[in-house]
PDB file of N, CA and C in Angstrom:
ATOM      1  N   MET A   1       0.216  24.418 -37.351  1.00  0.00           N
ATOM      2  CA  MET A   1      -0.164  24.132 -36.178  1.00  0.00           C
ATOM      3  C   MET A   1       1.170  24.643 -35.397  1.00  0.00           C
ATOM      4  N   LEU A   2       0.840  25.310 -34.151  1.00  0.00           N
ATOM      5  CA  LEU A   2       1.764  26.119 -33.317  1.00  0.00           C
ATOM      6  C   LEU A   2       1.466  25.508 -32.131  1.00  0.00           C
ATOM      7  N   ILE A   3       2.722  24.767 -31.711  1.00  0.00           N
ATOM      8  CA  ILE A   3       2.605  23.838 -30.150  1.00  0.00           C
ATOM      9  C   ILE A   3       3.376  24.912 -29.145  1.00  0.00           C
ATOM     10  N   VAL A   4       3.020  25.386 -28.270  1.00  0.00           N
ATOM     11  CA  VAL A   4       3.446  26.367 -27.521  1.00  0.00           C
ATOM     12  C   VAL A   4       3.967  25.473 -26.181  1.00  0.00           C
ATOM     13  N   GLY A   5       4.876  25.583 -25.773  1.00  0.00           N
ATOM     14  CA  GLY A   5       5.347  25.171 -24.304  1.00  0.00           C
ATOM     15  C   GLY A   5       5.785  23.604 -24.056  1.00  0.00           C
ATOM     16  N   TYR A   6       6.009  22.982 -23.160  1.00  0.00           N
ATOM     17  CA  TYR A   6       6.063  21.774 -22.928  1.00  0.00           C
ATOM     18  C   TYR A   6       5.043  20.712 -23.390  1.00  0.00           C
ATOM     19  N   GLN A   7       5.108  19.763 -23.584  1.00  0.00           N
ATOM     20  CA  GLN A   7       4.083  18.876 -23.964  1.00  0.00           C
ATOM     21  C   GLN A   7       4.597  17.447 -23.183  1.00  0.00           C
ATOM     22  N   GLY A   8       3.784  17.132 -22.382  1.00  0.00           N
ATOM     23  CA  GLY A   8       3.952  15.902 -21.485  1.00  0.00           C
ATOM     24  C   GLY A   8       3.898  14.477 -22.421  1.00  0.00           C
ATOM     25  N   LYS A   9       4.975  13.363 -21.757  1.00  0.00           N
ATOM     26  CA  LYS A   9       4.930  12.392 -22.534  1.00  0.00           C
ATOM     27  C   LYS A   9       3.604  11.607 -22.520  1.00  0.00           C
ATOM     28  N   GLY A  10       3.015  11.170 -23.730  1.00  0.00           N
ATOM     29  CA  GLY A  10       1.834  10.510 -23.928  1.00  0.00           C
ATOM     30  C   GLY A  10       0.614  11.483 -24.236  1.00  0.00           C
ATOM     31  N   SER A  11       0.878  12.838 -24.291  1.00  0.00           N
ATOM     32  CA  SER A  11      -0.206  13.634 -24.668  1.00  0.00           C
ATOM     33  C   SER A  11      -0.287  13.980 -26.019  1.00  0.00           C
ATOM     34  N   LEU A  12      -1.255  14.181 -26.472  1.00  0.00           N
ATOM     35  CA  LEU A  12      -1.788  14.425 -27.811  1.00  0.00           C
ATOM     36  C   LEU A  12      -0.703  15.471 -28.319  1.00  0.00           C
ATOM     37  N   GLY A  13      -0.338  16.793 -27.624  1.00  0.00           N
ATOM     38  CA  GLY A  13       0.466  17.717 -27.957  1.00  0.00           C
ATOM     39  C   GLY A  13       1.996  17.007 -28.327  1.00  0.00           C
ATOM     40  N   ARG A  14       2.402  16.115 -27.461  1.00  0.00           N
ATOM     41  CA  ARG A  14       3.477  15.565 -27.443  1.00  0.00           C
ATOM     42  C   ARG A  14       3.576  14.609 -28.884  1.00  0.00           C
ATOM     43  N   ARG A  15       2.563  14.025 -29.083  1.00  0.00           N
ATOM     44  CA  ARG A  15       2.473  13.053 -30.189  1.00  0.00           C
ATOM     45  C   ARG A  15       2.727  14.121 -31.348  1.00  0.00           C
ATOM     46  N   LEU A  16       1.938  15.285 -31.403  1.00  0.00           N
ATOM     47  CA  LEU A  16       2.185  15.868 -32.707  1.00  0.00           C
ATOM     48  C   LEU A  16       3.142  16.638 -32.780  1.00  0.00           C
ATOM     49  N   VAL A  17       4.001  16.952 -31.855  1.00  0.00           N
ATOM     50  CA  VAL A  17       5.345  17.342 -31.914  1.00  0.00           C
ATOM     51  C   VAL A  17       6.441  16.539 -32.560  1.00  0.00           C
ATOM     52  N   GLU A  18       6.017  15.218 -32.174  1.00  0.00           N
ATOM     53  CA  GLU A  18       7.076  14.091 -32.702  1.00  0.00           C
ATOM     54  C   GLU A  18       6.589  13.813 -34.308  1.00  0.00           C
ATOM     55  N   ARG A  19       5.620  14.623 -34.748  1.00  0.00           N
ATOM     56  CA  ARG A  19       5.414  14.658 -36.297  1.00  0.00           C
ATOM     57  C   ARG A  19       4.953  13.374 -36.924  1.00  0.00           C
ATOM     58  N   PRO A  20       4.117  12.623 -36.485  1.00  0.00           N
ATOM     59  CA  PRO A  20       3.443  11.184 -36.884  1.00  0.00           C
ATOM     60  C   PRO A  20       2.644  11.354 -38.111  1.00  0.00           C
ATOM     61  N   ARG A  21       2.337  10.317 -38.869  1.00  0.00           N
ATOM     62  CA  ARG A  21       1.669  10.631 -40.316  1.00  0.00           C
ATOM     63  C   ARG A  21       0.400  10.600 -39.554  1.00  0.00           C
ATOM     64  N   SER A  22      -0.218   9.935 -38.426  1.00  0.00           N
ATOM     65  CA  SER A  22      -1.628  10.069 -37.896  1.00  0.00           C
ATOM     66  C   SER A  22      -1.366   9.662 -36.386  1.00  0.00           C
ATOM     67  N   VAL A  23      -2.653  10.327 -36.070  1.00  0.00           N
ATOM     68  CA  VAL A  23      -2.758  10.123 -34.361  1.00  0.00           C
ATOM     69  C   VAL A  23      -4.034   9.605 -34.181  1.00  0.00           C
ATOM     70  N   SER A  24      -4.286   8.982 -33.056  1.00  0.00           N
ATOM     71  CA  SER A  24      -5.494   8.582 -32.562  1.00  0.00           C
ATOM     72  C   SER A  24      -6.226   9.284 -31.389  1.00  0.00           C
ATOM     73  N   ILE A  25      -7.320   9.727 -31.752  1.00  0.00           N
ATOM     74  CA  ILE A  25      -8.335  10.824 -30.853  1.00  0.00           C
ATOM     75  C   ILE A  25      -9.479  10.085 -30.760  1.00  0.00           C
ATOM     76  N   HIS A  26      -9.711   9.670 -29.444  1.00  0.00           N
ATOM     77  CA  HIS A  26     -10.938   9.016 -28.943  1.00  0.00           C
ATOM     78  C   HIS A  26     -11.064   8.037 -29.536  1.00  0.00           C
ATOM     79  N   GLY A  27     -10.077   7.162 -29.906  1.00  0.00           N
ATOM     80  CA  GLY A  27     -10.101   5.738 -30.842  1.00  0.00           C
ATOM     81  C   GLY A  27     -10.234   5.815 -32.229  1.00  0.00           C
ATOM     82  N   LYS A  28     -10.167   7.096 -32.586  1.00  0.00           N
ATOM     83  CA  LYS A  28     -10.236   7.560 -34.247  1.00  0.00           C
ATOM     84  C   LYS A  28      -8.949   7.753 -34.720  1.00  0.00           C
ATOM     85  N   LYS A  29      -8.600   7.181 -35.914  1.00  0.00           N
ATOM     86  CA  LYS A  29      -7.135   7.378 -36.417  1.00  0.00           C
ATOM     87  C   LYS A  29      -7.373   8.592 -37.383  1.00  0.00           C
ATOM     88  N   ILE A  30      -6.754   9.960 -37.008  1.00  0.00           N
ATOM     89  CA  ILE A  30      -6.699  10.944 -37.676  1.00  0.00           C
ATOM     90  C   ILE A  30      -5.538  11.188 -38.359  1.00  0.00           C
ATOM     91  N   ALA A  31      -5.538  11.542 -39.658  1.00  0.00           N
ATOM     92  CA  ALA A  31      -4.222  11.980 -40.429  1.00  0.00           C
ATOM     93  C   ALA A  31      -3.709  13.400 -39.922  1.00  0.00           C
ATOM     94  N   VAL A  32      -2.470  13.492 -39.908  1.00  0.00           N
ATOM     95  CA  VAL A  32      -1.910  14.363 -39.464  1.00  0.00           C
ATOM     96  C   VAL A  32      -1.275  15.300 -40.817  1.00  0.00           C
ATOM     97  N   ARG A  33      -1.936  16.179 -41.143  1.00  0.00           N
ATOM     98  CA  ARG A  33      -1.900  16.897 -42.677  1.00  0.00           C
ATOM     99  C   ARG A  33      -1.284  18.458 -42.288  1.00  0.00           C
ATOM    100  N   ALA A  34      -1.437  18.760 -41.013  1.00  0.00           N
ATOM    101  CA  ALA A  34      -0.714  20.050 -40.527  1.00  0.00           C
ATOM    102  C   ALA A  34       0.790  20.090 -40.761  1.00  0.00           C
ATOM    103  N   ASN A  35       1.139  21.233 -41.049  1.00  0.00           N
ATOM    104  CA  ASN A  35       2.766  21.903 -40.504  1.00  0.00           C
ATOM    105  C   ASN A  35       2.653  22.016 -39.034  1.00  0.00           C
ATOM    106  N   VAL A  36       3.745  21.141 -38.209  1.00  0.00           N
ATOM    107  CA  VAL A  36       3.781  21.403 -36.802  1.00  0.00           C
ATOM    108  C   VAL A  36       4.862  22.163 -36.459  1.00  0.00           C
ATOM    109  N   TRP A  37       4.984  23.290 -35.674  1.00  0.00           N
ATOM    110  CA  TRP A  37       6.028  24.034 -35.365  1.00  0.00           C
ATOM    111  C   TRP A  37       5.777  24.089 -33.722  1.00  0.00           C
ATOM    112  N   THR A  38       7.037  24.164 -33.105  1.00  0.00           N
ATOM    113  CA  THR A  38       6.892  24.162 -31.726  1.00  0.00           C
ATOM    114  C   THR A  38       7.876  25.425 -31.195  1.00  0.00           C
ATOM    115  N   LEU A  39       7.280  26.098 -30.055  1.00  0.00           N
ATOM    116  CA  LEU A  39       7.748  27.160 -29.553  1.00  0.00           C
ATOM    117  C   LEU A  39       7.743  26.957 -28.141  1.00  0.00           C
ATOM    118  N   GLY A  40       9.423  26.861 -27.769  1.00  0.00           N
ATOM    119  CA  GLY A  40       9.621  26.402 -26.282  1.00  0.00           C
ATOM    120  C   GLY A  40       9.646  27.656 -25.534  1.00  0.00           C
ATOM    121  N   GLY A  41       9.731  27.586 -24.455  1.00  0.00           N
ATOM    122  CA  GLY A  41      10.375  28.702 -23.328  1.00  0.00           C
ATOM    123  C   GLY A  41       9.050  29.541 -22.999  1.00  0.00           C
ATOM    124  N   PHE A  42       8.027  28.706 -23.195  1.00  0.00           N
ATOM    125  CA  PHE A  42       6.510  29.481 -22.629  1.00  0.00           C
ATOM    126  C   PHE A  42       5.828  28.693 -21.663  1.00  0.00           C
ATOM    127  N   SER A  43       6.427  27.949 -20.882  1.00  0.00           N
ATOM    128  CA  SER A  43       6.117  27.001 -19.813  1.00  0.00           C
ATOM    129  C   SER A  43       5.924  28.016 -18.739  1.00  0.00           C
ATOM    130  N   ALA A  44       4.678  27.808 -17.835  1.00  0.00           N
ATOM    131  CA  ALA A  44       4.443  28.573 -16.724  1.00  0.00           C
ATOM    132  C   ALA A  44       4.828  27.782 -15.514  1.00  0.00           C
ATOM    133  N   HIS A  45       5.374  27.175 -15.608  1.00  0.00           N
ATOM    134  CA  HIS A  45       6.273  26.327 -14.272  1.00  0.00           C
ATOM    135  C   HIS A  45       7.545  27.154 -13.838  1.00  0.00           C
ATOM    136  N   ALA A  46       7.406  27.096 -12.489  1.00  0.00           N
ATOM    137  CA  ALA A  46       8.615  27.936 -11.965  1.00  0.00           C
ATOM    138  C   ALA A  46       9.910  26.626 -11.821  1.00  0.00           C
ATOM    139  N   GLY A  47      11.047  27.312 -11.912  1.00  0.00           N
ATOM    140  CA  GLY A  47      12.151  26.236 -11.583  1.00  0.00           C
ATOM    141  C   GLY A  47      11.989  25.523 -10.308  1.00  0.00           C
ATOM    142  N   GLN A  48      12.960  24.594  -9.838  1.00  0.00           N
ATOM    143  CA  GLN A  48      12.847  24.119  -8.559  1.00  0.00           C
ATOM    144  C   GLN A  48      13.237  24.863  -7.707  1.00  0.00           C
ATOM    145  N   SER A  49      14.050  25.942  -7.875  1.00  0.00           N
ATOM    146  CA  SER A  49      14.644  26.748  -6.404  1.00  0.00           C
ATOM    147  C   SER A  49      13.607  27.900  -6.510  1.00  0.00           C
ATOM    148  N   ASP A  50      12.765  28.502  -7.470  1.00  0.00           N
ATOM    149  CA  ASP A  50      11.477  28.915  -7.222  1.00  0.00           C
ATOM    150  C   ASP A  50      10.492  28.434  -6.606  1.00  0.00           C
ATOM    151  N   LEU A  51      10.376  27.072  -6.877  1.00  0.00           N
ATOM    152  CA  LEU A  51       9.454  26.254  -6.138  1.00  0.00           C
ATOM    153  C   LEU A  51       9.792  26.091  -4.673  1.00  0.00           C
ATOM    154  N   PHE A  52      10.955  25.872  -4.372  1.00  0.00           N
ATOM    155  CA  PHE A  52      11.394  25.451  -3.010  1.00  0.00           C
ATOM    156  C   PHE A  52      11.579  27.044  -2.229  1.00  0.00           C
ATOM    157  N   LYS A  53      11.533  27.895  -2.760  1.00  0.00           N
ATOM    158  CA  LYS A  53      11.332  29.156  -2.150  1.00  0.00           C
ATOM    159  C   LYS A  53      10.108  29.521  -1.634  1.00  0.00           C
ATOM    160  N   TRP A  54       9.343  29.344  -2.447  1.00  0.00           N
ATOM    161  CA  TRP A  54       7.882  29.220  -2.062  1.00  0.00           C
ATOM    162  C   TRP A  54       7.175  28.124  -1.168  1.00  0.00           C
ATOM    163  N   PHE A  55       7.585  27.048  -1.467  1.00  0.00           N
ATOM    164  CA  PHE A  55       7.380  25.822  -0.525  1.00  0.00           C
ATOM    165  C   PHE A  55       7.876  26.023   0.831  1.00  0.00           C
ATOM    166  N   THR A  56       9.287  26.666   0.989  1.00  0.00           N
ATOM    167  CA  THR A  56       9.584  26.575   2.557  1.00  0.00           C
ATOM    168  C   THR A  56       8.904  27.499   3.403  1.00  0.00           C
ATOM    169  N   GLN A  57       8.140  28.499   2.668  1.00  0.00           N
ATOM    170  CA  GLN A  57       7.265  29.092   3.704  1.00  0.00           C
ATOM    171  C   GLN A  57       6.334  28.298   4.314  1.00  0.00           C
ATOM    172  N   LEU A  58       5.630  27.201   3.435  1.00  0.00           N
ATOM    173  CA  LEU A  58       4.696  26.363   3.626  1.00  0.00           C
ATOM    174  C   LEU A  58       4.957  25.011   4.338  1.00  0.00           C
ATOM    175  N   ALA A  59       6.150  24.517   4.286  1.00  0.00           N
ATOM    176  CA  ALA A  59       6.600  23.478   4.659  1.00  0.00           C
ATOM    177  C   ALA A  59       6.286  22.601   6.078  1.00  0.00           C
ATOM    178  N   PRO A  60       6.695  23.481   6.929  1.00  0.00           N
ATOM    179  CA  PRO A  60       6.448  23.520   8.478  1.00  0.00           C
ATOM    180  C   PRO A  60       5.105  23.217   8.895  1.00  0.00           C
ATOM    181  N   SER A  61       4.137  23.342   8.055  1.00  0.00           N
ATOM    182  CA  SER A  61       2.821  23.386   8.557  1.00  0.00           C
ATOM    183  C   SER A  61       2.128  22.134   7.545  1.00  0.00           C
ATOM    184  N   TRP A  62       2.852  21.543   6.700  1.00  0.00           N
ATOM    185  CA  TRP A  62       2.288  20.557   5.961  1.00  0.00           C
ATOM    186  C   TRP A  62       2.719  19.241   6.466  1.00  0.00           C
ATOM    187  N   LEU A  63       1.439  18.284   6.418  1.00  0.00           N
ATOM    188  CA  LEU A  63       1.839  16.845   6.813  1.00  0.00           C
ATOM    189  C   LEU A  63       1.921  15.896   5.997  1.00  0.00           C
ATOM    190  N   ARG A  64       1.065  16.460   4.511  1.00  0.00           N
ATOM    191  CA  ARG A  64       1.158  15.814   3.373  1.00  0.00           C
ATOM    192  C   ARG A  64       1.454  16.401   2.212  1.00  0.00           C
ATOM    193  N   VAL A  65       2.185  15.829   1.238  1.00  0.00           N
ATOM    194  CA  VAL A  65       2.466  16.426   0.132  1.00  0.00           C
ATOM    195  C   VAL A  65       2.195  15.532  -1.017  1.00  0.00           C
ATOM    196  N   ILE A  66       1.694  15.741  -2.048  1.00  0.00           N
ATOM    197  CA  ILE A  66       1.334  14.933  -3.183  1.00  0.00           C
ATOM    198  C   ILE A  66       1.722  15.466  -4.361  1.00  0.00           C
ATOM    199  N   ILE A  67       2.711  14.944  -5.265  1.00  0.00           N
ATOM    200  CA  ILE A  67       3.042  15.285  -6.510  1.00  0.00           C
ATOM    201  C   ILE A  67       2.290  14.843  -7.494  1.00  0.00           C
ATOM    202  N   THR A  68       1.508  15.404  -8.172  1.00  0.00           N
ATOM    203  CA  THR A  68       0.685  14.730  -9.384  1.00  0.00           C
ATOM    204  C   THR A  68       0.958  15.051 -10.984  1.00  0.00           C
ATOM    205  N   HIS A  69       1.965  16.229 -10.861  1.00  0.00           N
ATOM    206  CA  HIS A  69       2.359  16.766 -12.125  1.00  0.00           C
ATOM    207  C   HIS A  69       3.630  16.433 -12.635  1.00  0.00           C
ATOM    208  N   GLY A  70       3.602  16.161 -13.742  1.00  0.00           N
ATOM    209  CA  GLY A  70       5.112  15.940 -14.467  1.00  0.00           C
ATOM    210  C   GLY A  70       5.304  14.253 -14.975  1.00  0.00           C
ATOM    211  N   GLU A  71       6.343  14.261 -15.339  1.00  0.00           N
ATOM    212  CA  GLU A  71       6.827  12.747 -15.920  1.00  0.00           C
ATOM    213  C   GLU A  71       7.479  12.299 -14.621  1.00  0.00           C
ATOM    214  N   ASP A  72       7.545  10.846 -14.597  1.00  0.00           N
ATOM    215  CA  ASP A  72       8.032  10.150 -13.424  1.00  0.00           C
ATOM    216  C   ASP A  72       9.569  10.431 -12.988  1.00  0.00           C
ATOM    217  N   ALA A  73      10.522  10.619 -14.083  1.00  0.00           N
ATOM    218  CA  ALA A  73      11.711  10.663 -13.172  1.00  0.00           C
ATOM    219  C   ALA A  73      12.092  12.377 -12.782  1.00  0.00           C
ATOM    220  N   PRO A  74      11.430  13.334 -13.256  1.00  0.00           N
ATOM    221  CA  PRO A  74      11.724  14.710 -12.569  1.00  0.00           C
ATOM    222  C   PRO A  74      10.596  14.624 -11.205  1.00  0.00           C
ATOM    223  N   ARG A  75       9.505  13.826 -11.131  1.00  0.00           N
ATOM    224  CA  ARG A  75       8.480  13.901 -10.075  1.00  0.00           C
ATOM    225  C   ARG A  75       9.449  12.987  -8.794  1.00  0.00           C
ATOM    226  N   LYS A  76      10.342  12.124  -9.362  1.00  0.00           N
ATOM    227  CA  LYS A  76      11.057  11.282  -8.307  1.00  0.00           C
ATOM    228  C   LYS A  76      12.216  12.183  -7.732  1.00  0.00           C
ATOM    229  N   SER A  77      12.633  12.769  -8.597  1.00  0.00           N
ATOM    230  CA  SER A  77      13.967  13.648  -8.167  1.00  0.00           C
ATOM    231  C   SER A  77      13.320  14.933  -7.157  1.00  0.00           C
ATOM    232  N   LEU A  78      12.216  15.394  -7.564  1.00  0.00           N
ATOM    233  CA  LEU A  78      11.824  16.433  -6.735  1.00  0.00           C
ATOM    234  C   LEU A  78      11.349  15.810  -5.596  1.00  0.00           C
ATOM    235  N   CYS A  79      10.778  14.703  -5.412  1.00  0.00           N
ATOM    236  CA  CYS A  79      10.363  13.816  -4.070  1.00  0.00           C
ATOM    237  C   CYS A  79      11.626  13.772  -3.367  1.00  0.00           C
ATOM    238  N   ALA A  80      12.842  13.307  -3.782  1.00  0.00           N
ATOM    239  CA  ALA A  80      13.979  13.145  -3.284  1.00  0.00           C
ATOM    240  C   ALA A  80      14.466  14.310  -2.445  1.00  0.00           C
ATOM    241  N   SER A  81      14.256  15.340  -3.365  1.00  0.00           N
ATOM    242  CA  SER A  81      14.884  16.809  -2.966  1.00  0.00           C
ATOM    243  C   SER A  81      13.964  17.280  -1.805  1.00  0.00           C
ATOM    244  N   ILE A  82      12.849  17.009  -1.919  1.00  0.00           N
ATOM    245  CA  ILE A  82      11.695  17.391  -0.724  1.00  0.00           C
ATOM    246  C   ILE A  82      12.112  16.722   0.395  1.00  0.00           C
ATOM    247  N   GLN A  83      12.174  15.370   0.371  1.00  0.00           N
ATOM    248  CA  GLN A  83      12.591  14.345   1.544  1.00  0.00           C
ATOM    249  C   GLN A  83      13.734  15.187   2.368  1.00  0.00           C
ATOM    250  N   GLN A  84      14.708  15.361   1.343  1.00  0.00           N
ATOM    251  CA  GLN A  84      16.258  15.829   1.891  1.00  0.00           C
ATOM    252  C   GLN A  84      16.060  17.237   2.659  1.00  0.00           C
ATOM    253  N   GLN A  85      15.712  18.164   1.978  1.00  0.00           N
ATOM    254  CA  GLN A  85      15.367  19.694   2.519  1.00  0.00           C
ATOM    255  C   GLN A  85      14.493  19.668   3.545  1.00  0.00           C
ATOM    256  N   PHE A  86      13.130  19.221   3.408  1.00  0.00           N
ATOM    257  CA  PHE A  86      12.152  19.515   4.452  1.00  0.00           C
ATOM    258  C   PHE A  86      11.721  18.033   5.304  1.00  0.00           C
ATOM    259  N   SER A  87      12.218  17.008   5.042  1.00  0.00           N
ATOM    260  CA  SER A  87      11.805  15.783   6.051  1.00  0.00           C
ATOM    261  C   SER A  87      10.561  15.536   5.783  1.00  0.00           C
ATOM    262  N   LEU A  88      10.143  15.757   4.300  1.00  0.00           N
ATOM    263  CA  LEU A  88       8.750  15.357   4.133  1.00  0.00           C
ATOM    264  C   LEU A  88       8.762  14.130   3.136  1.00  0.00           C
ATOM    265  N   THR A  89       7.782  12.926   3.119  1.00  0.00           N
ATOM    266  CA  THR A  89       8.023  12.131   1.970  1.00  0.00           C
ATOM    267  C   THR A  89       6.848  12.503   1.097  1.00  0.00           C
ATOM    268  N   PRO A  90       7.030  12.999   0.069  1.00  0.00           N
ATOM    269  CA  PRO A  90       5.624  13.203  -0.980  1.00  0.00           C
ATOM    270  C   PRO A  90       5.218  11.829  -1.372  1.00  0.00           C
ATOM    271  N   GLU A  91       3.844  12.000  -1.794  1.00  0.00           N
ATOM    272  CA  GLU A  91       3.153  10.748  -2.337  1.00  0.00           C
ATOM    273  C   GLU A  91       3.218  10.940  -3.962  1.00  0.00           C
ATOM    274  N   LEU A  92       3.662  10.028  -4.768  1.00  0.00           N
ATOM    275  CA  LEU A  92       3.647  10.064  -6.209  1.00  0.00           C
ATOM    276  C   LEU A  92       2.641   9.320  -6.707  1.00  0.00           C
ATOM    277  N   PRO A  93       1.294   9.434  -6.776  1.00  0.00           N
ATOM    278  CA  PRO A  93       0.346   8.636  -7.612  1.00  0.00           C
ATOM    279  C   PRO A  93       0.513   8.629  -9.043  1.00  0.00           C
ATOM    280  N   LEU A  94       0.074   7.708  -9.683  1.00  0.00           N
ATOM    281  CA  LEU A  94      -0.070   7.429 -10.908  1.00  0.00           C
ATOM    282  C   LEU A  94      -1.186   7.781 -11.700  1.00  0.00           C
ATOM    283  N   GLN A  95      -1.483   7.824 -12.574  1.00  0.00           N
ATOM    284  CA  GLN A  95      -2.534   8.422 -13.454  1.00  0.00           C
ATOM    285  C   GLN A  95      -3.705   7.402 -13.176  1.00  0.00           C
ATOM    286  N   GLY A  96      -4.814   7.546 -12.753  1.00  0.00           N
ATOM    287  CA  GLY A  96      -5.778   6.569 -12.513  1.00  0.00           C
ATOM    288  C   GLY A  96      -5.881   6.359 -11.191  1.00  0.00           C
ATOM    289  N   ASP A  97      -4.988   6.561 -10.058  1.00  0.00           N
ATOM    290  CA  ASP A  97      -4.965   6.665  -8.852  1.00  0.00           C
ATOM    291  C   ASP A  97      -5.939   7.125  -8.115  1.00  0.00           C
ATOM    292  N   VAL A  98      -6.485   6.650  -6.986  1.00  0.00           N
ATOM    293  CA  VAL A  98      -7.601   7.734  -6.319  1.00  0.00           C
ATOM    294  C   VAL A  98      -7.035   8.177  -5.020  1.00  0.00           C
ATOM    295  N   ILE A  99      -6.954   9.503  -4.742  1.00  0.00           N
ATOM    296  CA  ILE A  99      -6.230   9.910  -3.403  1.00  0.00           C
ATOM    297  C   ILE A  99      -7.466  10.478  -2.596  1.00  0.00           C
ATOM    298  N   GLU A 100      -7.558   9.959  -1.361  1.00  0.00           N
ATOM    299  CA  GLU A 100      -8.428  10.509  -0.759  1.00  0.00           C
ATOM    300  C   GLU A 100      -7.693  11.591   0.452  1.00  0.00           C
ATOM    301  N   ILE A 101      -8.321  12.657   0.214  1.00  0.00           N
ATOM    302  CA  ILE A 101      -7.907  14.000   0.909  1.00  0.00           C
ATOM    303  C   ILE A 101      -8.958  14.153   1.918  1.00  0.00           C
ATOM    304  N   SER A 102      -8.442  14.594   3.154  1.00  0.00           N
ATOM    305  CA  SER A 102      -9.524  14.804   4.390  1.00  0.00           C
ATOM    306  C   SER A 102      -9.049  15.775   5.164  1.00  0.00           C
ATOM    307  N   ARG A 103     -10.080  16.715   5.674  1.00  0.00           N
ATOM    308  CA  ARG A 103      -9.468  17.847   6.276  1.00  0.00           C
ATOM    309  C   ARG A 103      -9.022  17.417   7.822  1.00  0.00           C
ATOM    310  N   ALA A 104      -7.723  17.972   8.076  1.00  0.00           N
ATOM    311  CA  ALA A 104      -7.488  17.396   9.458  1.00  0.00           C
ATOM    312  C   ALA A 104      -8.051  18.617  10.358  1.00  0.00           C
ATOM    313  N   ARG A 105      -8.286  18.085  11.609  1.00  0.00           N
ATOM    314  CA  ARG A 105      -8.872  19.007  12.762  1.00  0.00           C
ATOM    315  C   ARG A 105      -7.970  19.782  13.045  1.00  0.00           C
ATOM    316  N   ALA A 106      -8.105  21.205  12.890  1.00  0.00           N
ATOM    317  CA  ALA A 106      -7.352  22.140  13.408  1.00  0.00           C
ATOM    318  C   ALA A 106      -7.400  22.172  15.124  1.00  0.00           C
ATOM    319  N   ALA A 107      -6.263  22.825  15.854  1.00  0.00           N
ATOM    320  CA  ALA A 107      -6.390  22.811  17.318  1.00  0.00           C
ATOM    321  C   ALA A 107      -7.656  23.732  17.881  1.00  0.00           C
ATOM    322  N   SER A 108      -7.941  24.669  16.900  1.00  0.00           N
ATOM    323  CA  SER A 108      -9.089  25.509  17.416  1.00  0.00           C
ATOM    324  C   SER A 108     -10.435  24.692  16.991  1.00  0.00           C
ATOM    325  N   ASP A 109     -10.331  23.830  16.214  1.00  0.00           N
ATOM    326  CA  ASP A 109     -11.718  22.689  16.057  1.00  0.00           C
ATOM    327  C   ASP A 109     -11.908  21.702  17.220  1.00  0.00           C
ATOM    328  N   VAL A 110     -10.440  21.465  17.662  1.00  0.00           N
ATOM    329  CA  VAL A 110     -10.388  20.517  18.876  1.00  0.00           C
ATOM    330  C   VAL A 110     -11.052  21.493  19.978  1.00  0.00           C
ATOM    331  N   LEU A 111     -10.551  22.535  20.249  1.00  0.00           N
ATOM    332  CA  LEU A 111     -11.011  23.199  21.452  1.00  0.00           C
ATOM    333  C   LEU A 111     -12.339  23.586  21.557  1.00  0.00           C
ATOM    334  N   ALA A 112     -12.829  23.874  20.364  1.00  0.00           N
ATOM    335  CA  ALA A 112     -14.176  24.184  20.276  1.00  0.00           C
ATOM    336  C   ALA A 112     -15.378  22.993  20.848  1.00  0.00           C
ATOM    337  N   SER A 113     -14.886  21.972  20.377  1.00  0.00           N
ATOM    338  CA  SER A 113     -15.498  20.897  20.512  1.00  0.00           C
ATOM    339  C   SER A 113     -15.586  20.051  21.746  1.00  0.00           C
TER     340      SER A 113
END
């Protein structure tokens, strides 16, 4: 079995990379009999500097930033960097949290009503 790219903490991919004797899938214990190899360096994620370059164009118009992807330590670090550089305080929901997103009324909507 070839595992390509980063595998998040707690994911089945990460468990397989750690080469256990068995894994649990939907509550069923499965023996791992495959040879497991990893091939790093194929992540599709931009580095923080590339992400900030992209976000700089959008940040002035954003009222809300929600960081849902990644492990907690890197998410908190990214949150602190966004706070410092853009004066925005991102939300860091946990798995299972419910986030309500509503469409803010644009100035053109207000003028039209």
